[in-house]
């Protein structure tokens, strides 16, 4: 496997890490809380559900945390704008690096349909787990890790150890 050529639009991972740390620090300073994404997804789900079944959402204790009945603009929330900014920031980044290409990342022997199906199923399972855990891995790793929460550090060490072991079994699909 070749190392990334940083002259071709790839960021140096150390500089990217420093930039992310500074963004996290500014988020704590300005917003009083860390980074995360799952709250924006839950808030959007609550708003869309309210369109389909307003009574059910207004009487649901879970959705009430994200959708206040009578609220004029329930999607006006800093986390919603954070997720939108991450999307457009990433899009601008790949376009300016001249690396934008519509494709499906997969191994040479793996069919596109199976990759898309597994990505969808994994996203659903991850989303459900995120809500059970009351937060996503980015919030857990970045915000929890930055504030030295022991559970966040244990969780992320477990994630990396599991990924390291699982890589042995799926590596051949990506070569």
Protein backbone atom coordinates (compact mmCIF):
# COMPACT_ATOMS: atom_id res chain seq x y z
CA UNK A 1 0.00 0.00 0.00
CA UNK A 2 1.44 3.40 -0.97
CA UNK A 3 1.64 6.30 1.44
CA UNK A 4 -0.58 9.30 0.58
CA UNK A 5 1.12 12.00 -1.46
CA UNK A 6 0.44 15.19 0.50
CA UNK A 7 1.24 17.31 -2.55
CA UNK A 8 -1.87 15.90 -4.27
CA UNK A 9 -4.47 17.40 -1.97
CA UNK A 10 -4.19 15.15 1.08
CA UNK A 11 -3.77 16.85 4.41
CA UNK A 12 -0.92 15.87 6.64
CA UNK A 13 -2.69 13.88 9.41
CA UNK A 14 -0.77 15.72 12.14
CA UNK A 15 -1.88 19.11 10.82
CA UNK A 16 -5.44 17.84 10.42
CA UNK A 17 -5.39 16.61 14.03
CA UNK A 18 -4.16 19.97 15.28
CA UNK A 19 -6.87 21.75 13.24
CA UNK A 20 -9.56 19.44 14.63
CA UNK A 21 -8.30 20.01 18.17
CA UNK A 22 -8.49 23.79 17.68
CA UNK A 23 -12.03 23.50 16.29
CA UNK A 24 -13.00 21.40 19.32
CA UNK A 25 -11.45 23.95 21.67
CA UNK A 26 -13.34 26.79 19.97
CA UNK A 27 -16.57 24.79 20.15
CA UNK A 28 -16.16 24.31 23.90
CA UNK A 29 -15.35 28.01 24.30
CA UNK A 30 -18.09 29.43 22.06
CA UNK A 31 -20.92 26.89 22.46
CA UNK A 32 -20.10 25.54 25.90
CA UNK A 33 -20.21 21.96 24.64
CA UNK A 34 -18.19 19.63 22.44
CA UNK A 35 -18.64 18.24 18.96
CA UNK A 36 -21.08 15.55 17.90
CA UNK A 37 -23.50 14.72 15.10
CA UNK A 38 -26.22 12.38 16.31
CA UNK A 39 -28.25 15.14 17.96
CA UNK A 40 -28.75 16.79 14.58
CA UNK A 41 -30.01 13.53 13.08
CA UNK A 42 -32.39 12.95 16.01
CA UNK A 43 -33.67 16.54 15.79
CA UNK A 44 -34.27 16.20 12.05
CA UNK A 45 -36.06 12.87 12.60
CA UNK A 46 -38.29 14.50 15.20
CA UNK A 47 -39.19 17.36 12.85
CA UNK A 48 -39.92 15.01 9.93
CA UNK A 49 -41.94 12.72 12.20
CA UNK A 50 -43.93 15.72 13.42
CA UNK A 51 -44.95 16.42 9.83
CA UNK A 52 -46.31 12.86 9.48
CA UNK A 53 -47.76 12.37 12.98
CA UNK A 54 -47.78 15.57 15.08
CA UNK A 55 -49.74 14.10 18.02
CA UNK A 56 -47.42 11.14 18.35
CA UNK A 57 -44.31 13.34 18.42
CA UNK A 58 -45.78 15.85 20.86
CA UNK A 59 -46.62 13.06 23.31
CA UNK A 60 -43.34 11.15 22.87
CA UNK A 61 -40.87 11.76 25.69
CA UNK A 62 -37.87 10.97 23.49
CA UNK A 63 -38.80 13.29 20.61
CA UNK A 64 -39.90 16.03 23.03
CA UNK A 65 -36.24 16.54 23.85
CA UNK A 66 -35.62 17.50 20.23
CA UNK A 67 -38.94 18.95 19.11
CA UNK A 68 -40.72 21.42 21.33
CA UNK A 69 -44.36 21.85 20.34
CA UNK A 70 -45.01 25.43 19.34
CA UNK A 71 -41.38 26.01 18.38
CA UNK A 72 -41.14 28.19 15.28
CA UNK A 73 -37.87 26.84 13.90
CA UNK A 74 -36.91 23.53 15.51
CA UNK A 75 -34.04 22.96 13.08
CA UNK A 76 -32.33 26.20 14.10
CA UNK A 77 -29.85 24.48 16.36
CA UNK A 78 -26.07 24.75 16.36
CA UNK A 79 -25.61 20.98 15.93
CA UNK A 80 -27.75 20.95 12.77
CA UNK A 81 -25.57 23.71 11.34
CA UNK A 82 -22.44 21.83 12.43
CA UNK A 83 -23.48 18.75 10.42
CA UNK A 84 -24.39 20.87 7.39
CA UNK A 85 -21.00 22.59 7.69
CA UNK A 86 -19.16 19.27 7.90
CA UNK A 87 -20.90 18.10 4.71
CA UNK A 88 -20.18 21.25 2.73
CA UNK A 89 -16.68 21.59 4.18
CA UNK A 90 -15.85 18.06 3.06
CA UNK A 91 -17.37 18.70 -0.35
CA UNK A 92 -15.38 21.90 -0.81
CA UNK A 93 -12.25 20.09 0.38
CA UNK A 94 -12.44 17.28 -2.17
CA UNK A 95 -13.41 19.65 -4.98
CA UNK A 96 -10.53 22.04 -4.31
CA UNK A 97 -8.12 19.09 -4.00
CA UNK A 98 -9.41 17.86 -7.39
CA UNK A 99 -10.28 14.47 -5.86
CA UNK A 100 -14.08 14.59 -6.29
CA UNK A 101 -15.40 11.47 -7.99
CA UNK A 102 -18.73 9.73 -7.60
CA UNK A 103 -17.94 6.12 -6.79
CA UNK A 104 -18.57 3.34 -4.32
CA UNK A 105 -15.53 2.32 -2.29
CA UNK A 106 -15.30 -1.45 -2.18
CA UNK A 107 -12.94 -4.36 -2.57
CA UNK A 108 -12.15 -5.73 -6.02
CA UNK A 109 -14.21 -8.89 -5.56
CA UNK A 110 -17.14 -7.35 -3.68
CA UNK A 111 -20.28 -6.34 -5.65
CA UNK A 112 -21.54 -2.75 -5.44
CA UNK A 113 -25.05 -3.88 -4.47
CA UNK A 114 -23.72 -5.84 -1.49
CA UNK A 115 -21.53 -2.90 -0.43
CA UNK A 116 -24.49 -0.50 -0.53
CA UNK A 117 -26.75 -2.93 1.32
CA UNK A 118 -24.17 -3.54 4.05
CA UNK A 119 -23.49 0.21 4.33
CA UNK A 120 -27.22 0.85 4.77
CA UNK A 121 -27.66 -1.92 7.35
CA UNK A 122 -24.54 -0.77 9.20
CA UNK A 123 -25.81 2.81 9.20
CA UNK A 124 -29.17 1.76 10.65
CA UNK A 125 -27.56 -0.41 13.34
CA UNK A 126 -25.05 2.35 14.14
CA UNK A 127 -27.81 4.96 14.30
CA UNK A 128 -29.89 2.87 16.69
CA UNK A 129 -26.84 2.21 18.85
CA UNK A 130 -26.00 5.90 18.83
CA UNK A 131 -29.38 6.81 20.23
CA UNK A 132 -29.22 4.05 22.86
CA UNK A 133 -25.81 5.38 23.89
CA UNK A 134 -27.15 8.97 23.81
CA UNK A 135 -24.39 10.10 21.48
CA UNK A 136 -22.16 9.23 18.56
CA UNK A 137 -18.57 8.05 18.42
CA UNK A 138 -17.36 11.49 17.34
CA UNK A 139 -18.90 13.05 20.43
CA UNK A 140 -17.63 10.18 22.57
CA UNK A 141 -14.08 10.24 21.21
CA UNK A 142 -13.55 13.95 20.69
CA UNK A 143 -15.64 15.64 23.35
CA UNK A 144 -15.47 12.90 25.98
CA UNK A 145 -11.79 12.24 25.33
CA UNK A 146 -10.90 15.94 25.47
CA UNK A 147 -12.59 16.28 28.84
CA UNK A 148 -10.76 13.14 30.07
CA UNK A 149 -13.89 11.06 30.65
CA UNK A 150 -12.60 7.58 31.48
CA UNK A 151 -15.52 5.86 29.76
CA UNK A 152 -14.73 7.69 26.51
CA UNK A 153 -11.12 6.55 26.60
CA UNK A 154 -12.10 2.95 27.37
CA UNK A 155 -14.70 3.01 24.60
CA UNK A 156 -12.30 4.33 21.98
CA UNK A 157 -9.52 1.90 22.97
CA UNK A 158 -12.08 -0.90 22.58
CA UNK A 159 -13.17 0.45 19.17
CA UNK A 160 -9.58 0.59 17.90
CA UNK A 161 -8.69 -2.85 19.29
CA UNK A 162 -11.80 -4.37 17.72
CA UNK A 163 -11.06 -2.69 14.38
CA UNK A 164 -7.49 -3.95 14.49
CA UNK A 165 -8.67 -7.54 15.00
CA UNK A 166 -11.50 -7.26 12.43
CA UNK A 167 -9.09 -5.84 9.83
CA UNK A 168 -7.36 -9.21 9.64
CA UNK A 169 -10.58 -10.83 8.44
CA UNK A 170 -11.71 -8.18 5.92
CA UNK A 171 -8.34 -7.01 4.60
CA UNK A 172 -8.36 -9.36 1.61
CA UNK A 173 -11.58 -7.71 0.36
CA UNK A 174 -9.85 -4.32 0.08
CA UNK A 175 -6.60 -5.31 -1.62
